[in-house]
């Protein structure tokens, strides 16, 4: 069973931050072979939502209030660990992400930069494509907004 946590950067312990950085590195750098600069000075401005199962981070995203990253609220660095995929964990993560945004910022528009192959997934959550496809560190992305 996954235990879920939402913490500001300053509330994360060294061990929690290490586990988050480790899973982000494993998914984005190793699995997706994306040599993007993951440490981008936005973590300090974000709420960090993550799920732990068997003492390991298996789901994660970082959440921004309006004006922190975009004019709208936002989230990014969305991931599920390999062993958690295909079990509905991604949908649960998104439900919790949208609940956290509503609880902290109210009913506000949400903007994301999504990998293009996830268009259907995010569309099912009420997001609409608002940009042409673009390259983000070698991976095709689109901007999407949920009103």
C-alpha atoms as a PDB file:
ATOM      1  CA  UNK A   1       0.000   0.000   0.000  1.00  0.00           C
ATOM      2  CA  UNK A   2       1.333   3.413  -0.972  1.00  0.00           C
ATOM      3  CA  UNK A   3       1.682   6.115   1.672  1.00  0.00           C
ATOM      4  CA  UNK A   4       1.330   9.638   0.231  1.00  0.00           C
ATOM      5  CA  UNK A   5       3.082  12.795   1.419  1.00  0.00           C
ATOM      6  CA  UNK A   6       2.955  16.455   0.402  1.00  0.00           C
ATOM      7  CA  UNK A   7       5.752  18.664   1.676  1.00  0.00           C
ATOM      8  CA  UNK A   8       7.367  21.989   0.956  1.00  0.00           C
ATOM      9  CA  UNK A   9      11.056  21.806   0.065  1.00  0.00           C
ATOM     10  CA  UNK A  10      12.127  23.002   3.507  1.00  0.00           C
ATOM     11  CA  UNK A  11      10.106  20.217   5.149  1.00  0.00           C
ATOM     12  CA  UNK A  12      11.823  17.398   3.269  1.00  0.00           C
ATOM     13  CA  UNK A  13      14.390  15.443   5.267  1.00  0.00           C
ATOM     14  CA  UNK A  14      17.769  14.731   3.708  1.00  0.00           C
ATOM     15  CA  UNK A  15      16.696  11.109   3.179  1.00  0.00           C
ATOM     16  CA  UNK A  16      13.415  12.104   1.500  1.00  0.00           C
ATOM     17  CA  UNK A  17      15.154  14.584  -0.793  1.00  0.00           C
ATOM     18  CA  UNK A  18      17.801  11.990  -1.682  1.00  0.00           C
ATOM     19  CA  UNK A  19      15.115   9.383  -2.516  1.00  0.00           C
ATOM     20  CA  UNK A  20      13.249  11.910  -4.698  1.00  0.00           C
ATOM     21  CA  UNK A  21      16.397  12.948  -6.562  1.00  0.00           C
ATOM     22  CA  UNK A  22      17.372   9.296  -6.997  1.00  0.00           C
ATOM     23  CA  UNK A  23      14.048   8.308  -8.628  1.00  0.00           C
ATOM     24  CA  UNK A  24      14.058  11.433 -10.802  1.00  0.00           C
ATOM     25  CA  UNK A  25      17.578  10.576 -11.979  1.00  0.00           C
ATOM     26  CA  UNK A  26      16.646   6.939 -12.641  1.00  0.00           C
ATOM     27  CA  UNK A  27      13.508   7.787 -14.641  1.00  0.00           C
ATOM     28  CA  UNK A  28      14.476  10.947 -16.518  1.00  0.00           C
ATOM     29  CA  UNK A  29      18.228  10.560 -17.036  1.00  0.00           C
ATOM     30  CA  UNK A  30      18.761   6.800 -17.199  1.00  0.00           C
ATOM     31  CA  UNK A  31      15.441   5.402 -18.537  1.00  0.00           C
ATOM     32  CA  UNK A  32      14.538   8.266 -20.864  1.00  0.00           C
ATOM     33  CA  UNK A  33      18.143   9.132 -21.739  1.00  0.00           C
ATOM     34  CA  UNK A  34      17.314  12.806 -21.266  1.00  0.00           C
ATOM     35  CA  UNK A  35      20.360  14.852 -20.415  1.00  0.00           C
ATOM     36  CA  UNK A  36      18.369  17.814 -19.084  1.00  0.00           C
ATOM     37  CA  UNK A  37      19.450  19.814 -16.081  1.00  0.00           C
ATOM     38  CA  UNK A  38      17.166  18.342 -13.430  1.00  0.00           C
ATOM     39  CA  UNK A  39      18.379  20.643 -10.655  1.00  0.00           C
ATOM     40  CA  UNK A  40      16.821  23.821 -12.025  1.00  0.00           C
ATOM     41  CA  UNK A  41      16.208  25.965  -8.913  1.00  0.00           C
ATOM     42  CA  UNK A  42      12.452  25.288  -9.026  1.00  0.00           C
ATOM     43  CA  UNK A  43      12.417  22.582  -6.348  1.00  0.00           C
ATOM     44  CA  UNK A  44      12.722  25.239  -3.644  1.00  0.00           C
ATOM     45  CA  UNK A  45       9.517  26.919  -4.937  1.00  0.00           C
ATOM     46  CA  UNK A  46       7.460  23.729  -5.163  1.00  0.00           C
ATOM     47  CA  UNK A  47       5.262  21.469  -3.119  1.00  0.00           C
ATOM     48  CA  UNK A  48       6.537  17.910  -3.465  1.00  0.00           C
ATOM     49  CA  UNK A  49       3.936  15.150  -3.682  1.00  0.00           C
ATOM     50  CA  UNK A  50       5.265  11.625  -3.480  1.00  0.00           C
ATOM     51  CA  UNK A  51       4.180   8.098  -2.704  1.00  0.00           C
ATOM     52  CA  UNK A  52       6.272   5.564  -0.816  1.00  0.00           C
ATOM     53  CA  UNK A  53       5.850   1.804  -0.965  1.00  0.00           C
ATOM     54  CA  UNK A  54       8.222  -0.652   0.720  1.00  0.00           C
ATOM     55  CA  UNK A  55      10.465   2.252   1.818  1.00  0.00           C
ATOM     56  CA  UNK A  56      10.922   3.432  -1.780  1.00  0.00           C
ATOM     57  CA  UNK A  57       9.532   6.430  -3.683  1.00  0.00           C
ATOM     58  CA  UNK A  58       7.296   4.965  -6.399  1.00  0.00           C
ATOM     59  CA  UNK A  59       5.437   8.110  -7.553  1.00  0.00           C
ATOM     60  CA  UNK A  60       6.331  11.786  -7.573  1.00  0.00           C
ATOM     61  CA  UNK A  61       5.498  15.222  -8.881  1.00  0.00           C
ATOM     62  CA  UNK A  62       6.288  18.781  -7.923  1.00  0.00           C
ATOM     63  CA  UNK A  63       3.527  21.365  -7.771  1.00  0.00           C
ATOM     64  CA  UNK A  64       3.635  25.149  -8.248  1.00  0.00           C
ATOM     65  CA  UNK A  65       1.161  27.825  -7.272  1.00  0.00           C
ATOM     66  CA  UNK A  66       0.108  30.446  -9.817  1.00  0.00           C
ATOM     67  CA  UNK A  67       3.003  32.737 -10.719  1.00  0.00           C
ATOM     68  CA  UNK A  68       5.759  30.387  -9.480  1.00  0.00           C
ATOM     69  CA  UNK A  69       6.562  28.755 -12.823  1.00  0.00           C
ATOM     70  CA  UNK A  70       3.770  29.903 -15.138  1.00  0.00           C
ATOM     71  CA  UNK A  71       0.957  32.417 -14.777  1.00  0.00           C
ATOM     72  CA  UNK A  72      -1.254  29.405 -13.945  1.00  0.00           C
ATOM     73  CA  UNK A  73      -0.708  26.753 -11.287  1.00  0.00           C
ATOM     74  CA  UNK A  74       1.474  23.947 -12.613  1.00  0.00           C
ATOM     75  CA  UNK A  75       3.055  20.599 -11.926  1.00  0.00           C
ATOM     76  CA  UNK A  76       5.941  18.716 -13.449  1.00  0.00           C
ATOM     77  CA  UNK A  77       8.601  16.047 -13.059  1.00  0.00           C
ATOM     78  CA  UNK A  78       5.720  13.562 -13.002  1.00  0.00           C
ATOM     79  CA  UNK A  79       6.891   9.972 -12.661  1.00  0.00           C
ATOM     80  CA  UNK A  80       6.077   6.503 -11.499  1.00  0.00           C
ATOM     81  CA  UNK A  81       8.772   3.946 -10.785  1.00  0.00           C
ATOM     82  CA  UNK A  82       9.066   1.013 -13.179  1.00  0.00           C
ATOM     83  CA  UNK A  83       7.670  -1.445 -10.636  1.00  0.00           C
ATOM     84  CA  UNK A  84       4.576   0.746 -10.035  1.00  0.00           C
ATOM     85  CA  UNK A  85       3.544   1.179 -13.664  1.00  0.00           C
ATOM     86  CA  UNK A  86       0.393  -0.395 -15.048  1.00  0.00           C
ATOM     87  CA  UNK A  87      -1.264  -0.480 -11.606  1.00  0.00           C
ATOM     88  CA  UNK A  88      -3.159   2.816 -11.666  1.00  0.00           C
ATOM     89  CA  UNK A  89      -0.519   4.636  -9.643  1.00  0.00           C
ATOM     90  CA  UNK A  90      -0.137   7.371 -12.286  1.00  0.00           C
ATOM     91  CA  UNK A  91      -3.870   8.107 -12.222  1.00  0.00           C
ATOM     92  CA  UNK A  92      -3.831   8.158  -8.419  1.00  0.00           C
ATOM     93  CA  UNK A  93      -0.863  10.537  -8.499  1.00  0.00           C
ATOM     94  CA  UNK A  94      -2.732  12.874 -10.869  1.00  0.00           C
ATOM     95  CA  UNK A  95      -5.908  12.780  -8.759  1.00  0.00           C
ATOM     96  CA  UNK A  96      -3.884  13.672  -5.688  1.00  0.00           C
ATOM     97  CA  UNK A  97      -1.958  16.359  -7.590  1.00  0.00           C
ATOM     98  CA  UNK A  98      -5.148  18.085  -8.711  1.00  0.00           C
ATOM     99  CA  UNK A  99      -6.582  17.754  -5.172  1.00  0.00           C
ATOM    100  CA  UNK A 100      -3.456  19.386  -3.694  1.00  0.00           C
ATOM    101  CA  UNK A 101      -3.684  22.248  -6.207  1.00  0.00           C
ATOM    102  CA  UNK A 102      -7.368  22.810  -5.365  1.00  0.00           C
ATOM    103  CA  UNK A 103      -6.715  22.662  -1.605  1.00  0.00           C
ATOM    104  CA  UNK A 104      -3.769  25.089  -1.704  1.00  0.00           C
ATOM    105  CA  UNK A 105      -4.730  27.468  -4.530  1.00  0.00           C
ATOM    106  CA  UNK A 106      -8.462  27.022  -5.172  1.00  0.00           C
ATOM    107  CA  UNK A 107     -10.106  26.342  -8.521  1.00  0.00           C
ATOM    108  CA  UNK A 108      -7.434  27.780 -10.793  1.00  0.00           C
ATOM    109  CA  UNK A 109      -6.219  26.943 -14.307  1.00  0.00           C
ATOM    110  CA  UNK A 110      -3.318  24.476 -14.417  1.00  0.00           C
ATOM    111  CA  UNK A 111      -0.614  24.488 -17.110  1.00  0.00           C
ATOM    112  CA  UNK A 112       1.765  21.637 -17.848  1.00  0.00           C
ATOM    113  CA  UNK A 113       4.516  20.808 -20.294  1.00  0.00           C
ATOM    114  CA  UNK A 114       3.662  17.202 -21.145  1.00  0.00           C
ATOM    115  CA  UNK A 115       5.535  14.598 -23.096  1.00  0.00           C
ATOM    116  CA  UNK A 116       3.568  14.308 -26.327  1.00  0.00           C
ATOM    117  CA  UNK A 117       2.845  10.594 -25.962  1.00  0.00           C
ATOM    118  CA  UNK A 118       0.815  11.431 -22.827  1.00  0.00           C
ATOM    119  CA  UNK A 119      -1.704  13.624 -24.701  1.00  0.00           C
ATOM    120  CA  UNK A 120      -4.547  11.098 -24.257  1.00  0.00           C
ATOM    121  CA  UNK A 121      -3.732  10.514 -20.564  1.00  0.00           C
ATOM    122  CA  UNK A 122      -3.836  14.221 -19.712  1.00  0.00           C
ATOM    123  CA  UNK A 123      -6.820  14.871 -22.007  1.00  0.00           C
ATOM    124  CA  UNK A 124      -8.796  12.358 -19.954  1.00  0.00           C
ATOM    125  CA  UNK A 125      -8.019  14.536 -16.908  1.00  0.00           C
ATOM    126  CA  UNK A 126      -9.480  17.620 -18.585  1.00  0.00           C
ATOM    127  CA  UNK A 127      -6.307  19.117 -20.089  1.00  0.00           C
ATOM    128  CA  UNK A 128      -6.343  20.656 -23.564  1.00  0.00           C
ATOM    129  CA  UNK A 129      -3.369  21.014 -25.888  1.00  0.00           C
ATOM    130  CA  UNK A 130      -2.453  24.716 -26.291  1.00  0.00           C
ATOM    131  CA  UNK A 131       0.825  24.546 -28.231  1.00  0.00           C
ATOM    132  CA  UNK A 132       2.431  22.859 -31.164  1.00  0.00           C
ATOM    133  CA  UNK A 133       4.820  20.031 -30.375  1.00  0.00           C
ATOM    134  CA  UNK A 134       8.315  21.151 -29.388  1.00  0.00           C
ATOM    135  CA  UNK A 135      11.589  19.533 -28.428  1.00  0.00           C
ATOM    136  CA  UNK A 136      12.505  19.612 -24.741  1.00  0.00           C
ATOM    137  CA  UNK A 137      15.972  18.109 -24.312  1.00  0.00           C
ATOM    138  CA  UNK A 138      15.404  15.529 -27.035  1.00  0.00           C
ATOM    139  CA  UNK A 139      11.852  14.562 -26.016  1.00  0.00           C
ATOM    140  CA  UNK A 140       8.725  15.785 -27.861  1.00  0.00           C
ATOM    141  CA  UNK A 141       6.488  17.901 -25.590  1.00  0.00           C
ATOM    142  CA  UNK A 142       3.285  19.935 -25.783  1.00  0.00           C
ATOM    143  CA  UNK A 143       1.845  22.570 -23.476  1.00  0.00           C
ATOM    144  CA  UNK A 144      -1.559  21.768 -22.011  1.00  0.00           C
ATOM    145  CA  UNK A 145      -3.996  23.692 -19.796  1.00  0.00           C
ATOM    146  CA  UNK A 146      -6.868  22.549 -17.583  1.00  0.00           C
ATOM    147  CA  UNK A 147      -9.407  25.243 -16.768  1.00  0.00           C
END
